[in-house]
Amino acid sequence: MLNNYGFEGAQWDAAKEQATSILIDVATRKGRIAYSELVGQISALSLEPHDSRLFHLLGEISSEED
């Protein structure tokens, strides 16, 4: 079943797990990551750096990690 952003639920969840892991690694190193680099490391689905769905993905991660 597709979620609101046009991806399968499991695919979306896998992308969130990948992005969360990447972001935690970057934060641990007190580094920064560009959207283009982040989406390039997410293999569960394909997003562009300024895709509005990326911002929804990051918003969900933020809410869940808060």
N, C-alpha and C. Protein backbone atom coordinates (compact mmCIF):
# COMPACT_ATOMS: atom_id res chain seq x y z
N MET A 1 0.84 -1.19 0.00
CA MET A 1 0.00 0.00 0.00
C MET A 1 0.88 1.25 0.00
N LEU A 2 0.54 2.21 -0.85
CA LEU A 2 1.31 3.44 -0.94
C LEU A 2 0.91 4.40 0.17
N ASN A 3 1.90 5.12 0.70
CA ASN A 3 1.60 6.15 1.69
C ASN A 3 1.27 7.46 0.97
N ASN A 4 1.12 8.53 1.71
CA ASN A 4 0.74 9.82 1.13
C ASN A 4 1.78 10.37 0.16
N TYR A 5 2.98 9.86 0.21
CA TYR A 5 4.05 10.42 -0.60
C TYR A 5 4.37 9.57 -1.83
N GLY A 6 3.55 8.55 -2.09
CA GLY A 6 3.71 7.76 -3.29
C GLY A 6 4.68 6.60 -3.20
N PHE A 7 5.08 6.24 -1.99
CA PHE A 7 5.99 5.12 -1.79
C PHE A 7 5.31 4.04 -0.96
N GLU A 8 5.76 2.81 -1.12
CA GLU A 8 5.29 1.73 -0.27
C GLU A 8 5.69 2.04 1.17
N GLY A 9 4.84 1.65 2.12
CA GLY A 9 5.11 1.92 3.53
C GLY A 9 6.45 1.36 3.99
N ALA A 10 6.76 0.12 3.61
CA ALA A 10 8.02 -0.50 4.02
C ALA A 10 9.21 0.22 3.39
N GLN A 11 9.03 0.67 2.16
CA GLN A 11 10.09 1.39 1.46
C GLN A 11 10.35 2.73 2.17
N TRP A 12 9.29 3.44 2.52
CA TRP A 12 9.39 4.72 3.23
C TRP A 12 10.07 4.52 4.59
N ASP A 13 9.65 3.48 5.31
CA ASP A 13 10.23 3.21 6.63
C ASP A 13 11.71 2.86 6.53
N ALA A 14 12.09 2.10 5.50
CA ALA A 14 13.50 1.76 5.30
C ALA A 14 14.32 3.01 4.99
N ALA A 15 13.76 3.92 4.21
CA ALA A 15 14.45 5.17 3.89
C ALA A 15 14.62 6.02 5.14
N LYS A 16 13.59 6.04 5.99
CA LYS A 16 13.71 6.78 7.25
C LYS A 16 14.80 6.19 8.13
N GLU A 17 14.87 4.86 8.19
CA GLU A 17 15.92 4.21 8.99
C GLU A 17 17.31 4.55 8.44
N GLN A 18 17.45 4.51 7.12
CA GLN A 18 18.73 4.84 6.51
C GLN A 18 19.10 6.29 6.79
N ALA A 19 18.17 7.19 6.57
CA ALA A 19 18.44 8.62 6.78
C ALA A 19 18.76 8.90 8.24
N THR A 20 18.03 8.27 9.15
CA THR A 20 18.29 8.47 10.58
C THR A 20 19.71 8.03 10.93
N SER A 21 20.10 6.87 10.44
CA SER A 21 21.45 6.36 10.70
C SER A 21 22.52 7.31 10.15
N ILE A 22 22.31 7.80 8.95
CA ILE A 22 23.25 8.73 8.33
C ILE A 22 23.34 10.01 9.15
N LEU A 23 22.19 10.54 9.53
CA LEU A 23 22.17 11.81 10.27
C LEU A 23 22.79 11.66 11.66
N ILE A 24 22.56 10.53 12.31
CA ILE A 24 23.18 10.30 13.62
C ILE A 24 24.70 10.25 13.46
N ASP A 25 25.17 9.57 12.43
CA ASP A 25 26.61 9.50 12.18
C ASP A 25 27.20 10.89 11.96
N VAL A 26 26.53 11.70 11.16
CA VAL A 26 27.01 13.06 10.88
C VAL A 26 27.01 13.89 12.17
N ALA A 27 25.94 13.78 12.94
CA ALA A 27 25.84 14.55 14.18
C ALA A 27 26.90 14.12 15.20
N THR A 28 27.18 12.83 15.25
CA THR A 28 28.21 12.31 16.17
C THR A 28 29.57 12.92 15.85
N ARG A 29 29.82 13.12 14.58
CA ARG A 29 31.08 13.73 14.15
C ARG A 29 31.02 15.25 14.18
N LYS A 30 29.85 15.79 14.61
CA LYS A 30 29.61 17.24 14.63
C LYS A 30 29.83 17.84 13.25
N GLY A 31 29.40 17.07 12.24
CA GLY A 31 29.56 17.51 10.86
C GLY A 31 28.27 18.05 10.27
N ARG A 32 28.31 18.23 8.99
CA ARG A 32 27.16 18.70 8.21
C ARG A 32 27.04 17.82 6.99
N ILE A 33 25.82 17.77 6.45
CA ILE A 33 25.60 17.01 5.23
C ILE A 33 24.62 17.78 4.34
N ALA A 34 24.94 17.86 3.08
CA ALA A 34 24.05 18.52 2.12
C ALA A 34 22.91 17.57 1.75
N TYR A 35 21.78 18.15 1.40
CA TYR A 35 20.65 17.31 0.96
C TYR A 35 21.07 16.40 -0.17
N SER A 36 21.87 16.90 -1.09
CA SER A 36 22.29 16.09 -2.23
C SER A 36 23.11 14.89 -1.78
N GLU A 37 23.94 15.06 -0.78
CA GLU A 37 24.73 13.95 -0.26
C GLU A 37 23.84 12.97 0.49
N LEU A 38 22.90 13.49 1.27
CA LEU A 38 21.99 12.63 2.02
C LEU A 38 21.17 11.74 1.09
N VAL A 39 20.52 12.34 0.09
CA VAL A 39 19.69 11.53 -0.81
C VAL A 39 20.52 10.54 -1.61
N GLY A 40 21.78 10.86 -1.85
CA GLY A 40 22.66 9.95 -2.56
C GLY A 40 23.01 8.71 -1.74
N GLN A 41 22.85 8.80 -0.43
CA GLN A 41 23.17 7.68 0.45
C GLN A 41 21.93 6.87 0.84
N ILE A 42 20.76 7.35 0.49
CA ILE A 42 19.52 6.62 0.78
C ILE A 42 19.22 5.72 -0.41
N SER A 43 19.30 4.41 -0.19
CA SER A 43 19.09 3.47 -1.29
C SER A 43 17.69 2.87 -1.32
N ALA A 44 16.92 3.08 -0.27
CA ALA A 44 15.59 2.46 -0.18
C ALA A 44 14.59 3.08 -1.15
N LEU A 45 14.82 4.32 -1.53
CA LEU A 45 13.97 4.99 -2.50
C LEU A 45 14.75 6.11 -3.14
N SER A 46 14.20 6.67 -4.20
CA SER A 46 14.89 7.71 -4.96
C SER A 46 14.23 9.06 -4.71
N LEU A 47 15.03 9.99 -4.21
CA LEU A 47 14.57 11.36 -3.97
C LEU A 47 15.58 12.33 -4.55
N GLU A 48 15.12 13.49 -4.92
CA GLU A 48 16.00 14.57 -5.35
C GLU A 48 16.28 15.46 -4.14
N PRO A 49 17.38 16.22 -4.17
CA PRO A 49 17.75 17.04 -3.01
C PRO A 49 16.68 18.05 -2.56
N HIS A 50 15.89 18.56 -3.46
CA HIS A 50 14.87 19.55 -3.07
C HIS A 50 13.46 19.03 -3.31
N ASP A 51 13.32 17.71 -3.28
CA ASP A 51 12.02 17.05 -3.39
C ASP A 51 11.24 17.31 -2.11
N SER A 52 10.02 17.77 -2.22
CA SER A 52 9.22 18.05 -1.02
C SER A 52 9.04 16.81 -0.15
N ARG A 53 9.10 15.63 -0.77
CA ARG A 53 8.96 14.40 0.01
C ARG A 53 10.16 14.19 0.94
N LEU A 54 11.33 14.70 0.56
CA LEU A 54 12.50 14.63 1.44
C LEU A 54 12.22 15.42 2.71
N PHE A 55 11.58 16.56 2.57
CA PHE A 55 11.31 17.39 3.74
C PHE A 55 10.27 16.72 4.64
N HIS A 56 9.34 15.98 4.07
CA HIS A 56 8.39 15.20 4.87
C HIS A 56 9.12 14.07 5.59
N LEU A 57 10.03 13.42 4.90
CA LEU A 57 10.82 12.35 5.50
C LEU A 57 11.61 12.90 6.69
N LEU A 58 12.30 14.02 6.49
CA LEU A 58 13.07 14.62 7.57
C LEU A 58 12.18 15.11 8.71
N GLY A 59 11.00 15.60 8.38
CA GLY A 59 10.06 16.03 9.41
C GLY A 59 9.60 14.87 10.28
N GLU A 60 9.32 13.74 9.63
CA GLU A 60 8.92 12.55 10.40
C GLU A 60 10.05 12.08 11.30
N ILE A 61 11.28 12.09 10.77
CA ILE A 61 12.43 11.69 11.58
C ILE A 61 12.56 12.62 12.78
N SER A 62 12.45 13.90 12.53
CA SER A 62 12.57 14.88 13.61
C SER A 62 11.53 14.65 14.70
N SER A 63 10.29 14.44 14.30
CA SER A 63 9.22 14.21 15.27
C SER A 63 9.45 12.92 16.06
N GLU A 64 9.88 11.88 15.37
CA GLU A 64 10.09 10.59 16.03
C GLU A 64 11.30 10.60 16.95
N GLU A 65 12.31 11.38 16.61
CA GLU A 65 13.53 11.42 17.41
C GLU A 65 13.45 12.42 18.57
N ASP A 66 12.46 13.30 18.53
CA ASP A 66 12.31 14.33 19.57
C ASP A 66 11.95 13.71 20.90
